[in-house]
């Protein structure tokens, strides 16, 4: 005869298994980005409809225009509008899946969708640079040529190297908006690092400086 204790134990075990399945499914869902396959992402209206549906809220009129299609990659960067900055990066669509900032552990899946696993070293370097410029920095100006502001420190154009251990490192200068907060023109030299697998490792500011405006402010 089954005792009360055994019955309770079986119920607890079933609950534990069910919870584990739910958590695993949730983790898998996050790792693959949010599904937007039911929307037509070939139009800006379709992209914004997907954004609102996935966020569960309406976008303001300014944020609706924070949308940037990749020049070399089949991706769509989207952002939210801030009056002291402009468009802030808020996510990127890759083949009908939305990948969000703050969830960089999912970016390996995004890069996998873009061909990272079968790419050679040169192709991975190009992919890493394009991914940074056309997603994370889609709404920030990347400085590709030296201008009169670069007297010190020295200017370096966007550069990508692959370390001996296969890590891909992207280094470039940016000119963030910073309107209303920083006087003058602000520059940051940023470094982004990826593992040989395509997994995101880190992002950091290597150097920065600000140049006063022409009126001395």
N, C-alpha and C. Protein backbone atom coordinates (compact mmCIF):
# COMPACT_ATOMS: atom_id res chain seq x y z
N UNK A 1 0.86 -1.20 0.00
CA UNK A 1 0.00 0.00 0.00
C UNK A 1 0.89 1.25 0.00
N UNK A 2 0.51 2.20 -0.84
CA UNK A 2 1.28 3.44 -0.91
C UNK A 2 0.95 4.32 0.29
N UNK A 3 1.94 4.77 1.00
CA UNK A 3 1.72 5.61 2.18
C UNK A 3 1.53 7.06 1.78
N UNK A 4 1.03 7.88 2.73
CA UNK A 4 0.84 9.31 2.49
C UNK A 4 2.17 9.97 2.20
N UNK A 5 3.20 9.54 2.93
CA UNK A 5 4.52 10.13 2.73
C UNK A 5 5.05 9.86 1.34
N UNK A 6 4.84 8.62 0.85
CA UNK A 6 5.29 8.28 -0.50
C UNK A 6 4.55 9.09 -1.56
N UNK A 7 3.23 9.26 -1.34
CA UNK A 7 2.42 10.04 -2.29
C UNK A 7 2.90 11.48 -2.37
N UNK A 8 3.15 12.07 -1.19
CA UNK A 8 3.65 13.45 -1.16
C UNK A 8 5.01 13.55 -1.84
N UNK A 9 5.83 12.52 -1.63
CA UNK A 9 7.15 12.52 -2.25
C UNK A 9 7.07 12.48 -3.76
N UNK A 10 6.13 11.66 -4.28
CA UNK A 10 5.95 11.57 -5.72
C UNK A 10 5.46 12.89 -6.29
N UNK A 11 4.53 13.54 -5.57
CA UNK A 11 4.01 14.83 -6.04
C UNK A 11 5.12 15.87 -6.08
N UNK A 12 5.94 15.90 -5.04
CA UNK A 12 7.04 16.87 -4.99
C UNK A 12 8.02 16.63 -6.14
N UNK A 13 8.28 15.35 -6.41
CA UNK A 13 9.20 15.01 -7.49
C UNK A 13 8.65 15.47 -8.83
N UNK A 14 7.32 15.27 -9.05
CA UNK A 14 6.69 15.71 -10.30
C UNK A 14 6.76 17.22 -10.45
N UNK A 15 6.50 17.94 -9.35
CA UNK A 15 6.56 19.41 -9.38
C UNK A 15 7.97 19.86 -9.71
N UNK A 16 8.97 19.20 -9.09
CA UNK A 16 10.37 19.57 -9.34
C UNK A 16 10.74 19.36 -10.80
N UNK A 17 10.30 18.25 -11.37
CA UNK A 17 10.59 17.96 -12.77
C UNK A 17 9.91 18.98 -13.68
N UNK A 18 8.66 19.31 -13.38
CA UNK A 18 7.92 20.28 -14.19
C UNK A 18 8.60 21.64 -14.14
N UNK A 19 9.04 22.05 -12.94
CA UNK A 19 9.71 23.33 -12.79
C UNK A 19 11.02 23.35 -13.57
N UNK A 20 11.75 22.25 -13.53
CA UNK A 20 13.01 22.16 -14.26
C UNK A 20 12.78 22.30 -15.76
N UNK A 21 11.72 21.67 -16.26
CA UNK A 21 11.39 21.75 -17.68
C UNK A 21 11.06 23.18 -18.07
N UNK A 22 10.28 23.87 -17.24
CA UNK A 22 9.90 25.26 -17.51
C UNK A 22 11.13 26.15 -17.53
N UNK A 23 12.02 25.99 -16.54
CA UNK A 23 13.22 26.81 -16.48
C UNK A 23 14.14 26.55 -17.66
N UNK A 24 14.26 25.27 -18.06
CA UNK A 24 15.09 24.92 -19.21
C UNK A 24 14.53 25.53 -20.48
N UNK A 25 13.22 25.45 -20.65
CA UNK A 25 12.58 26.03 -21.84
C UNK A 25 12.78 27.53 -21.88
N UNK A 26 12.68 28.16 -20.70
CA UNK A 26 12.87 29.61 -20.62
C UNK A 26 14.30 29.98 -20.98
N UNK A 27 15.27 29.19 -20.48
CA UNK A 27 16.68 29.47 -20.78
C UNK A 27 16.96 29.31 -22.26
N UNK A 28 16.41 28.25 -22.87
CA UNK A 28 16.61 28.01 -24.30
C UNK A 28 16.01 29.15 -25.10
N UNK A 29 14.81 29.61 -24.69
CA UNK A 29 14.14 30.71 -25.39
C UNK A 29 14.98 31.96 -25.35
N UNK A 30 15.57 32.27 -24.16
CA UNK A 30 16.38 33.47 -24.04
C UNK A 30 17.64 33.35 -24.88
N UNK A 31 18.22 32.14 -24.91
CA UNK A 31 19.48 31.97 -25.64
C UNK A 31 19.29 32.14 -27.13
N UNK A 32 18.08 31.97 -27.62
CA UNK A 32 17.82 32.09 -29.04
C UNK A 32 17.21 33.43 -29.42
N UNK A 33 17.10 34.35 -28.48
CA UNK A 33 16.47 35.61 -28.76
C UNK A 33 14.96 35.48 -28.78
N UNK A 34 14.28 36.61 -28.90
CA UNK A 34 12.82 36.60 -28.93
C UNK A 34 12.32 36.37 -30.36
N UNK A 35 11.33 35.51 -30.50
CA UNK A 35 10.83 35.12 -31.82
C UNK A 35 9.92 36.20 -32.40
N UNK A 36 10.28 36.69 -33.60
CA UNK A 36 9.46 37.69 -34.30
C UNK A 36 9.11 37.21 -35.69
N UNK A 37 9.10 35.89 -35.87
CA UNK A 37 8.89 35.33 -37.21
C UNK A 37 7.50 35.59 -37.77
N UNK A 38 6.53 35.93 -36.91
CA UNK A 38 5.18 36.17 -37.40
C UNK A 38 5.01 37.58 -37.96
N UNK A 39 6.08 38.38 -37.91
CA UNK A 39 6.01 39.76 -38.40
C UNK A 39 6.83 39.92 -39.68
N UNK A 40 6.39 40.85 -40.52
CA UNK A 40 7.10 41.14 -41.76
C UNK A 40 8.18 42.19 -41.46
N UNK A 41 9.41 41.73 -41.29
CA UNK A 41 10.48 42.64 -40.92
C UNK A 41 11.10 43.34 -42.12
N UNK A 42 10.56 43.10 -43.31
CA UNK A 42 11.07 43.78 -44.49
C UNK A 42 10.59 45.23 -44.56
N UNK A 43 9.59 45.57 -43.74
CA UNK A 43 9.08 46.94 -43.69
C UNK A 43 9.31 47.51 -42.29
N UNK A 44 9.50 48.82 -42.21
CA UNK A 44 9.70 49.46 -40.92
C UNK A 44 8.46 49.32 -40.04
N UNK A 45 7.29 49.34 -40.68
CA UNK A 45 6.05 49.16 -39.92
C UNK A 45 6.00 47.79 -39.26
N UNK A 46 6.45 46.77 -40.01
CA UNK A 46 6.47 45.43 -39.46
C UNK A 46 7.46 45.29 -38.31
N UNK A 47 8.61 45.95 -38.47
CA UNK A 47 9.62 45.92 -37.40
C UNK A 47 9.07 46.56 -36.13
N UNK A 48 8.43 47.72 -36.28
CA UNK A 48 7.90 48.41 -35.11
C UNK A 48 6.74 47.65 -34.48
N UNK A 49 5.95 46.97 -35.30
CA UNK A 49 4.87 46.14 -34.76
C UNK A 49 5.45 45.00 -33.91
N UNK A 50 6.54 44.41 -34.40
CA UNK A 50 7.21 43.34 -33.66
C UNK A 50 7.79 43.88 -32.35
N UNK A 51 8.38 45.05 -32.41
CA UNK A 51 8.96 45.66 -31.20
C UNK A 51 7.90 45.88 -30.13
N UNK A 52 6.77 46.43 -30.54
CA UNK A 52 5.71 46.70 -29.58
C UNK A 52 5.12 45.42 -29.02
N UNK A 53 4.95 44.42 -29.86
CA UNK A 53 4.38 43.15 -29.41
C UNK A 53 5.31 42.46 -28.42
N UNK A 54 6.59 42.44 -28.71
CA UNK A 54 7.55 41.77 -27.85
C UNK A 54 7.77 42.53 -26.54
N UNK A 55 7.67 43.86 -26.61
CA UNK A 55 7.85 44.68 -25.40
C UNK A 55 6.57 44.77 -24.58
N UNK A 56 5.43 44.50 -25.22
CA UNK A 56 4.16 44.59 -24.52
C UNK A 56 3.73 46.01 -24.23
N UNK A 57 4.19 46.95 -25.05
CA UNK A 57 3.83 48.36 -24.86
C UNK A 57 4.01 49.12 -26.17
N UNK A 58 3.37 50.28 -26.25
CA UNK A 58 3.49 51.13 -27.42
C UNK A 58 4.81 51.90 -27.39
N UNK A 59 5.35 52.16 -28.55
CA UNK A 59 6.55 52.98 -28.66
C UNK A 59 6.17 54.43 -28.85
N UNK A 60 6.96 55.36 -28.30
CA UNK A 60 6.68 56.77 -28.53
C UNK A 60 7.07 57.13 -29.96
N UNK A 61 6.58 58.25 -30.43
CA UNK A 61 6.76 58.64 -31.83
C UNK A 61 8.22 58.79 -32.22
N UNK A 62 9.06 59.24 -31.28
CA UNK A 62 10.48 59.39 -31.58
C UNK A 62 11.17 58.04 -31.70
N UNK A 63 10.86 57.13 -30.79
CA UNK A 63 11.50 55.81 -30.80
C UNK A 63 11.13 55.00 -32.03
N UNK A 64 9.97 55.28 -32.62
CA UNK A 64 9.57 54.57 -33.84
C UNK A 64 10.57 54.78 -34.97
N UNK A 65 11.28 55.93 -34.91
CA UNK A 65 12.26 56.24 -35.95
C UNK A 65 13.66 55.73 -35.62
N UNK A 66 13.82 55.14 -34.44
CA UNK A 66 15.12 54.59 -34.05
C UNK A 66 15.26 53.19 -34.63
N UNK A 67 15.58 53.13 -35.89
CA UNK A 67 15.64 51.87 -36.62
C UNK A 67 16.73 51.99 -37.67
N UNK A 68 17.66 51.04 -37.68
CA UNK A 68 18.80 51.12 -38.59
C UNK A 68 19.07 49.74 -39.19
N UNK A 69 18.95 49.64 -40.51
CA UNK A 69 19.21 48.37 -41.19
C UNK A 69 20.70 48.26 -41.52
N UNK A 70 21.26 47.08 -41.29
CA UNK A 70 22.68 46.88 -41.51
C UNK A 70 23.09 47.13 -42.94
N UNK A 71 24.29 47.70 -43.12
CA UNK A 71 24.81 47.96 -44.46
C UNK A 71 25.40 46.70 -45.08
N UNK A 72 26.03 45.86 -44.26
CA UNK A 72 26.68 44.66 -44.78
C UNK A 72 26.08 43.39 -44.20
N UNK A 73 25.38 43.49 -43.08
CA UNK A 73 24.78 42.31 -42.45
C UNK A 73 23.25 42.38 -42.53
N UNK A 74 22.58 41.24 -42.65
CA UNK A 74 21.10 41.23 -42.69
C UNK A 74 20.52 41.35 -41.29
N UNK A 75 20.77 42.50 -40.67
CA UNK A 75 20.29 42.75 -39.31
C UNK A 75 19.60 44.10 -39.25
N UNK A 76 18.79 44.29 -38.19
CA UNK A 76 18.08 45.55 -38.00
C UNK A 76 18.26 45.98 -36.55
N UNK A 77 19.00 47.04 -36.34
CA UNK A 77 19.19 47.58 -35.00
C UNK A 77 18.04 48.52 -34.67
N UNK A 78 17.56 48.46 -33.43
CA UNK A 78 16.47 49.33 -33.00
C UNK A 78 16.88 50.01 -31.70
N UNK A 79 16.23 51.14 -31.43
CA UNK A 79 16.60 51.88 -30.23
C UNK A 79 15.42 52.62 -29.63
N UNK A 80 15.65 53.18 -28.45
CA UNK A 80 14.68 54.03 -27.78
C UNK A 80 15.24 55.44 -27.73
N UNK A 81 14.37 56.43 -27.82
CA UNK A 81 14.82 57.82 -27.95
C UNK A 81 14.97 58.49 -26.58
N UNK A 82 16.09 59.21 -26.42
CA UNK A 82 16.33 60.02 -25.23
C UNK A 82 16.72 61.42 -25.69
N UNK A 83 16.12 62.44 -25.12
CA UNK A 83 16.32 63.81 -25.61
C UNK A 83 17.75 64.31 -25.41
N UNK A 84 18.48 63.77 -24.43
CA UNK A 84 19.85 64.22 -24.21
C UNK A 84 20.86 63.38 -24.97
N UNK A 85 20.38 62.47 -25.81
CA UNK A 85 21.28 61.56 -26.50
C UNK A 85 20.88 61.28 -27.94
N UNK A 86 19.60 61.10 -28.15
CA UNK A 86 19.12 60.63 -29.45
C UNK A 86 18.68 59.19 -29.31
N UNK A 87 18.94 58.36 -30.31
CA UNK A 87 18.54 56.95 -30.26
C UNK A 87 19.57 56.14 -29.48
N UNK A 88 19.10 55.41 -28.50
CA UNK A 88 19.96 54.50 -27.73
C UNK A 88 19.68 53.07 -28.17
N UNK A 89 20.73 52.31 -28.42
CA UNK A 89 20.61 50.93 -28.86
C UNK A 89 19.76 50.13 -27.87
N UNK A 90 18.74 49.43 -28.42
CA UNK A 90 17.81 48.70 -27.57
C UNK A 90 17.63 47.25 -28.01
N UNK A 91 18.32 46.86 -29.08
CA UNK A 91 18.20 45.48 -29.54
C UNK A 91 18.50 45.37 -31.03
N UNK A 92 18.60 44.12 -31.50
CA UNK A 92 18.89 43.89 -32.91
C UNK A 92 18.17 42.64 -33.39
N UNK A 93 17.51 42.77 -34.52
CA UNK A 93 16.84 41.63 -35.15
C UNK A 93 17.82 40.90 -36.06
N UNK A 94 17.94 39.60 -35.85
CA UNK A 94 18.77 38.75 -36.71
C UNK A 94 17.90 37.58 -37.16
N UNK A 95 17.58 37.55 -38.45
CA UNK A 95 16.76 36.47 -39.00
C UNK A 95 15.53 36.18 -38.14
N UNK A 96 14.74 37.22 -37.93
CA UNK A 96 13.44 37.13 -37.24
C UNK A 96 13.55 36.84 -35.74
N UNK A 97 14.73 37.07 -35.16
CA UNK A 97 14.86 36.93 -33.71
C UNK A 97 15.46 38.22 -33.16
N UNK A 98 14.92 38.66 -32.01
CA UNK A 98 15.38 39.90 -31.40
C UNK A 98 16.34 39.59 -30.26
N UNK A 99 17.54 40.15 -30.35
CA UNK A 99 18.56 39.99 -29.31
C UNK A 99 18.73 41.34 -28.61
N UNK A 100 18.74 41.31 -27.27
CA UNK A 100 18.71 42.54 -26.48
C UNK A 100 20.05 42.82 -25.82
N UNK A 101 20.36 44.12 -25.58
CA UNK A 101 21.55 44.46 -24.79
C UNK A 101 21.31 44.00 -23.34
N UNK A 102 22.39 43.70 -22.65
CA UNK A 102 22.25 43.16 -21.31
C UNK A 102 22.11 41.65 -21.32
N UNK A 103 21.96 41.09 -22.51
CA UNK A 103 21.86 39.63 -22.67
C UNK A 103 22.94 39.19 -23.67
N UNK A 104 24.16 39.74 -23.45
CA UNK A 104 25.23 39.49 -24.41
C UNK A 104 25.58 38.01 -24.54
N UNK A 105 25.19 37.20 -23.52
CA UNK A 105 25.47 35.77 -23.61
C UNK A 105 24.70 35.13 -24.77
N UNK A 106 23.67 35.82 -25.26
CA UNK A 106 22.89 35.27 -26.39
C UNK A 106 23.49 35.65 -27.73
N UNK A 107 24.50 36.53 -27.72
CA UNK A 107 25.03 37.03 -28.99
C UNK A 107 25.76 35.95 -29.76
N UNK A 108 26.23 34.91 -29.10
CA UNK A 108 26.85 33.81 -29.82
C UNK A 108 25.85 33.20 -30.79
N UNK A 109 24.59 33.04 -30.33
CA UNK A 109 23.55 32.50 -31.20
C UNK A 109 23.29 33.43 -32.37
N UNK A 110 23.34 34.75 -32.11
CA UNK A 110 23.15 35.71 -33.19
C UNK A 110 24.27 35.60 -34.22
N UNK A 111 25.50 35.50 -33.75
CA UNK A 111 26.63 35.38 -34.67
C UNK A 111 26.62 34.03 -35.39
N UNK A 112 26.13 33.00 -34.69
CA UNK A 112 25.99 31.69 -35.36
C UNK A 112 25.04 31.81 -36.55
N UNK A 113 23.95 32.56 -36.37
CA UNK A 113 22.98 32.74 -37.45
C UNK A 113 23.59 33.49 -38.63
N UNK A 114 24.63 34.27 -38.34
CA UNK A 114 25.27 35.07 -39.38
C UNK A 114 26.47 34.37 -40.00
N UNK A 115 26.72 33.13 -39.58
CA UNK A 115 27.76 32.34 -40.23
C UNK A 115 29.08 32.19 -39.51
N UNK A 116 29.14 32.58 -38.24
CA UNK A 116 30.41 32.50 -37.49
C UNK A 116 31.03 31.10 -37.47
N UNK A 117 30.26 30.03 -37.20
CA UNK A 117 30.87 28.69 -37.06
C UNK A 117 31.67 28.23 -38.27
N UNK A 118 31.25 28.61 -39.46
CA UNK A 118 31.92 28.13 -40.67
C UNK A 118 32.86 29.17 -41.28
N UNK A 119 32.96 30.34 -40.65
CA UNK A 119 33.79 31.41 -41.18
C UNK A 119 35.27 31.17 -40.86
N UNK A 120 36.15 31.58 -41.76
CA UNK A 120 37.58 31.51 -41.47
C UNK A 120 37.99 32.74 -40.65
N UNK A 121 39.27 32.84 -40.33
CA UNK A 121 39.73 33.93 -39.45
C UNK A 121 39.41 35.30 -40.03
N UNK A 122 39.71 35.51 -41.30
CA UNK A 122 39.45 36.80 -41.93
C UNK A 122 37.96 37.13 -41.93
N UNK A 123 37.13 36.15 -42.22
CA UNK A 123 35.69 36.36 -42.26
C UNK A 123 35.14 36.66 -40.88
N UNK A 124 35.68 36.00 -39.86
CA UNK A 124 35.24 36.26 -38.49
C UNK A 124 35.60 37.68 -38.05
N UNK A 125 36.77 38.13 -38.44
CA UNK A 125 37.18 39.49 -38.09
C UNK A 125 36.24 40.52 -38.74
N UNK A 126 35.91 40.30 -40.01
CA UNK A 126 34.98 41.21 -40.70
C UNK A 126 33.60 41.15 -40.06
N UNK A 127 33.16 39.96 -39.67
CA UNK A 127 31.85 39.79 -39.06
C UNK A 127 31.81 40.47 -37.70
N UNK A 128 32.87 40.32 -36.91
CA UNK A 128 32.91 40.93 -35.58
C UNK A 128 32.83 42.45 -35.68
N UNK A 129 33.60 43.04 -36.60
CA UNK A 129 33.58 44.49 -36.77
C UNK A 129 32.22 44.98 -37.25
N UNK A 130 31.66 44.30 -38.24
CA UNK A 130 30.35 44.69 -38.76
C UNK A 130 29.28 44.55 -37.69
N UNK A 131 29.37 43.50 -36.88
CA UNK A 131 28.38 43.29 -35.83
C UNK A 131 28.40 44.44 -34.82
N UNK A 132 29.59 44.87 -34.43
CA UNK A 132 29.71 45.97 -33.48
C UNK A 132 29.20 47.28 -34.10
N UNK A 133 29.64 47.57 -35.32
CA UNK A 133 29.27 48.84 -35.95
C UNK A 133 27.79 48.90 -36.31
N UNK A 134 27.20 47.79 -36.73
CA UNK A 134 25.84 47.82 -37.25
C UNK A 134 24.78 47.39 -36.24
N UNK A 135 25.21 46.96 -35.05
CA UNK A 135 24.23 46.64 -34.01
C UNK A 135 24.48 47.52 -32.80
N UNK A 136 25.44 47.19 -31.99
CA UNK A 136 25.70 47.90 -30.74
C UNK A 136 25.92 49.40 -30.97
N UNK A 137 26.69 49.75 -32.01
CA UNK A 137 27.02 51.16 -32.27
C UNK A 137 26.25 51.73 -33.45
N UNK A 138 25.11 51.15 -33.76
CA UNK A 138 24.33 51.60 -34.92
C UNK A 138 23.93 53.06 -34.82
N UNK A 139 23.75 53.56 -33.60
CA UNK A 139 23.28 54.94 -33.41
C UNK A 139 24.39 55.85 -32.85
N UNK A 140 25.62 55.39 -32.93
CA UNK A 140 26.77 56.17 -32.48
C UNK A 140 27.76 56.27 -33.64
N UNK A 141 28.32 57.44 -33.86
CA UNK A 141 29.24 57.62 -34.98
C UNK A 141 30.57 56.95 -34.70
N UNK A 142 30.98 56.07 -35.59
CA UNK A 142 32.30 55.45 -35.53
C UNK A 142 33.25 56.31 -36.36
N UNK A 143 34.36 56.69 -35.77
CA UNK A 143 35.32 57.56 -36.46
C UNK A 143 36.26 56.68 -37.28
N UNK A 144 36.18 56.80 -38.58
CA UNK A 144 36.99 55.95 -39.47
C UNK A 144 38.21 56.67 -40.03
N UNK A 145 38.21 58.02 -39.95
CA UNK A 145 39.34 58.78 -40.46
C UNK A 145 39.75 59.84 -39.44
N UNK A 146 41.03 60.13 -39.41
CA UNK A 146 41.56 61.13 -38.48
C UNK A 146 41.01 62.51 -38.81
N UNK A 147 40.67 63.27 -37.76
CA UNK A 147 40.26 64.66 -37.95
C UNK A 147 41.12 65.56 -37.07
N UNK A 148 40.83 66.88 -37.10
CA UNK A 148 41.67 67.85 -36.40
C UNK A 148 41.64 67.70 -34.88
N UNK A 149 40.66 66.98 -34.34
CA UNK A 149 40.57 66.81 -32.89
C UNK A 149 41.62 65.83 -32.35
N UNK A 150 42.14 64.99 -33.23
CA UNK A 150 43.08 63.95 -32.77
C UNK A 150 44.52 64.46 -32.82
N UNK A 151 44.88 65.23 -31.82
CA UNK A 151 46.26 65.66 -31.66
C UNK A 151 46.93 64.80 -30.59
N UNK A 152 46.18 64.50 -29.56
CA UNK A 152 46.64 63.63 -28.49
C UNK A 152 45.41 63.11 -27.79
N UNK A 153 45.19 61.79 -27.73
CA UNK A 153 46.05 60.71 -28.19
C UNK A 153 46.03 60.54 -29.71
N UNK A 154 46.88 59.66 -30.19
CA UNK A 154 46.98 59.42 -31.63
C UNK A 154 45.73 58.68 -32.12
N UNK A 155 45.38 58.95 -33.39
CA UNK A 155 44.22 58.29 -33.98
C UNK A 155 44.59 56.91 -34.53
N UNK A 156 43.66 56.00 -34.40
CA UNK A 156 43.81 54.66 -34.98
C UNK A 156 42.50 54.29 -35.64
N UNK A 157 42.48 53.94 -36.91
CA UNK A 157 41.23 53.54 -37.57
C UNK A 157 40.72 52.24 -36.97
N UNK A 158 39.47 51.88 -37.22
CA UNK A 158 38.94 50.61 -36.70
C UNK A 158 39.87 49.44 -37.02
N UNK A 159 40.14 48.63 -36.02
CA UNK A 159 41.10 47.54 -36.19
C UNK A 159 40.56 46.27 -35.55
N UNK A 160 40.83 45.14 -36.19
CA UNK A 160 40.43 43.83 -35.65
C UNK A 160 41.64 42.91 -35.71
N UNK A 161 41.91 42.24 -34.60
CA UNK A 161 42.99 41.27 -34.57
C UNK A 161 42.46 39.96 -33.97
N UNK A 162 43.12 38.86 -34.31
CA UNK A 162 42.80 37.57 -33.71
C UNK A 162 44.01 37.11 -32.91
N UNK A 163 43.80 36.90 -31.61
CA UNK A 163 44.89 36.48 -30.74
C UNK A 163 45.27 35.03 -30.99
N UNK A 164 46.38 34.62 -30.38
CA UNK A 164 46.86 33.26 -30.56
C UNK A 164 45.85 32.23 -30.07
N UNK A 165 45.03 32.61 -29.07
CA UNK A 165 44.03 31.68 -28.55
C UNK A 165 42.71 31.73 -29.30
N UNK A 166 42.69 32.49 -30.40
CA UNK A 166 41.49 32.55 -31.24
C UNK A 166 40.52 33.66 -30.88
N UNK A 167 40.81 34.43 -29.83
CA UNK A 167 39.93 35.55 -29.47
C UNK A 167 40.00 36.63 -30.54
N UNK A 168 38.84 37.18 -30.87
CA UNK A 168 38.76 38.25 -31.86
C UNK A 168 38.53 39.57 -31.11
N UNK A 169 39.41 40.55 -31.33
CA UNK A 169 39.35 41.81 -30.60
C UNK A 169 39.14 42.97 -31.57
N UNK A 170 38.06 43.71 -31.35
CA UNK A 170 37.72 44.88 -32.17
C UNK A 170 38.04 46.14 -31.38
N UNK A 171 38.79 47.06 -31.98
CA UNK A 171 39.11 48.33 -31.34
C UNK A 171 38.79 49.47 -32.31
N UNK A 172 38.07 50.48 -31.82
CA UNK A 172 37.71 51.61 -32.68
C UNK A 172 37.40 52.85 -31.84
N UNK A 173 37.44 53.99 -32.51
CA UNK A 173 37.08 55.26 -31.88
C UNK A 173 35.62 55.61 -32.21
N UNK A 174 34.92 56.13 -31.22
CA UNK A 174 33.54 56.59 -31.42
C UNK A 174 33.40 58.04 -31.01
N UNK A 175 32.38 58.67 -31.53
CA UNK A 175 32.05 60.06 -31.19
C UNK A 175 30.61 60.08 -30.68
N UNK A 176 30.41 59.75 -29.39
CA UNK A 176 29.05 59.68 -28.83
C UNK A 176 28.36 61.04 -28.86
N UNK A 177 27.03 61.05 -28.93
CA UNK A 177 26.29 62.31 -28.96
C UNK A 177 26.48 63.11 -27.68
N UNK A 178 25.95 62.60 -26.57
CA UNK A 178 26.12 63.26 -25.29
C UNK A 178 25.56 64.66 -25.22
N UNK A 179 24.57 64.98 -26.03
CA UNK A 179 24.01 66.32 -26.03
C UNK A 179 23.36 66.64 -24.69
N UNK A 180 23.65 67.85 -24.20
CA UNK A 180 23.02 68.29 -22.96
C UNK A 180 23.77 67.85 -21.71
N UNK A 181 24.80 67.01 -21.87
CA UNK A 181 25.52 66.54 -20.69
C UNK A 181 27.01 66.86 -20.75
N UNK A 182 27.59 66.75 -21.92
CA UNK A 182 29.02 66.98 -22.06
C UNK A 182 29.25 68.14 -23.02
N UNK A 183 29.99 69.16 -22.56
CA UNK A 183 30.30 70.28 -23.44
C UNK A 183 31.44 69.89 -24.37
N UNK A 184 31.31 70.30 -25.63
CA UNK A 184 32.34 69.98 -26.59
C UNK A 184 32.08 68.65 -27.28
N UNK A 185 33.11 68.18 -28.00
CA UNK A 185 33.01 66.92 -28.73
C UNK A 185 33.71 65.83 -27.94
N UNK A 186 33.00 64.77 -27.69
CA UNK A 186 33.51 63.67 -26.87
C UNK A 186 33.91 62.49 -27.75
N UNK A 187 35.04 61.86 -27.40
CA UNK A 187 35.51 60.69 -28.14
C UNK A 187 35.86 59.56 -27.15
N UNK A 188 35.57 58.34 -27.57
CA UNK A 188 35.91 57.17 -26.77
C UNK A 188 36.54 56.11 -27.67
N UNK A 189 37.64 55.54 -27.20
CA UNK A 189 38.22 54.39 -27.90
C UNK A 189 37.71 53.14 -27.19
N UNK A 190 36.98 52.31 -27.93
CA UNK A 190 36.31 51.15 -27.34
C UNK A 190 36.92 49.84 -27.82
N UNK A 191 36.92 48.86 -26.94
CA UNK A 191 37.43 47.54 -27.27
C UNK A 191 36.36 46.49 -27.00
N UNK A 192 36.12 45.62 -27.97
CA UNK A 192 35.13 44.54 -27.84
C UNK A 192 35.85 43.22 -28.12
N UNK A 193 35.61 42.24 -27.26
CA UNK A 193 36.34 40.97 -27.37
C UNK A 193 35.37 39.80 -27.47
N UNK A 194 35.66 38.89 -28.41
CA UNK A 194 34.86 37.69 -28.63
C UNK A 194 35.75 36.45 -28.53
N UNK A 195 35.20 35.37 -27.97
CA UNK A 195 35.91 34.09 -27.93
C UNK A 195 35.92 33.48 -29.31
N UNK A 196 36.78 32.49 -29.52
CA UNK A 196 36.85 31.83 -30.82
C UNK A 196 35.52 31.18 -31.20
N UNK A 197 34.70 30.87 -30.19
CA UNK A 197 33.39 30.27 -30.43
C UNK A 197 32.36 31.29 -30.90
N UNK A 198 32.70 32.59 -30.74
CA UNK A 198 31.75 33.65 -31.05
C UNK A 198 31.09 34.21 -29.82
N UNK A 199 31.35 33.59 -28.66
CA UNK A 199 30.76 34.08 -27.41
C UNK A 199 31.35 35.44 -27.05
N UNK A 200 30.49 36.34 -26.58
CA UNK A 200 30.94 37.68 -26.19
C UNK A 200 31.69 37.60 -24.87
N UNK A 201 32.86 38.24 -24.81
CA UNK A 201 33.68 38.20 -23.60
C UNK A 201 33.59 39.51 -22.82
N UNK A 202 33.87 40.63 -23.50
CA UNK A 202 33.90 41.90 -22.76
C UNK A 202 33.84 43.09 -23.70
N UNK A 203 33.50 44.24 -23.09
CA UNK A 203 33.54 45.54 -23.77
C UNK A 203 34.09 46.55 -22.77
N UNK A 204 35.01 47.40 -23.22
CA UNK A 204 35.58 48.38 -22.30
C UNK A 204 36.03 49.61 -23.06
N UNK A 205 36.14 50.71 -22.32
CA UNK A 205 36.66 51.95 -22.88
C UNK A 205 38.15 52.00 -22.62
N UNK A 206 38.94 52.06 -23.69
CA UNK A 206 40.39 52.06 -23.58
C UNK A 206 40.92 53.46 -23.33
N UNK A 207 40.30 54.45 -23.98
CA UNK A 207 40.77 55.82 -23.89
C UNK A 207 39.61 56.76 -24.18
N UNK A 208 39.71 58.00 -23.74
CA UNK A 208 38.65 58.98 -24.02
C UNK A 208 39.20 60.39 -23.85
N UNK A 209 38.56 61.32 -24.56
CA UNK A 209 38.93 62.74 -24.40
C UNK A 209 37.80 63.60 -24.93
N UNK A 210 37.81 64.86 -24.54
CA UNK A 210 36.80 65.81 -24.99
C UNK A 210 37.48 67.07 -25.50
N UNK A 211 37.00 67.57 -26.62
CA UNK A 211 37.54 68.78 -27.22
C UNK A 211 36.51 69.90 -27.08
N UNK A 212 36.94 71.07 -26.62
CA UNK A 212 36.02 72.19 -26.45
C UNK A 212 35.46 72.62 -27.80
N UNK A 213 34.24 73.13 -27.76
CA UNK A 213 33.62 73.64 -28.99
C UNK A 213 34.36 74.90 -29.46
N UNK A 214 34.06 75.32 -30.66
CA UNK A 214 34.73 76.47 -31.24
C UNK A 214 34.53 77.74 -30.43
N UNK A 215 33.41 77.81 -29.68
CA UNK A 215 33.15 79.00 -28.89
C UNK A 215 33.85 78.93 -27.53
N UNK A 216 34.66 77.85 -27.32
CA UNK A 216 35.43 77.75 -26.08
C UNK A 216 34.73 77.00 -24.98
N UNK A 217 33.49 76.60 -25.20
CA UNK A 217 32.75 75.91 -24.13
C UNK A 217 33.13 74.45 -24.05
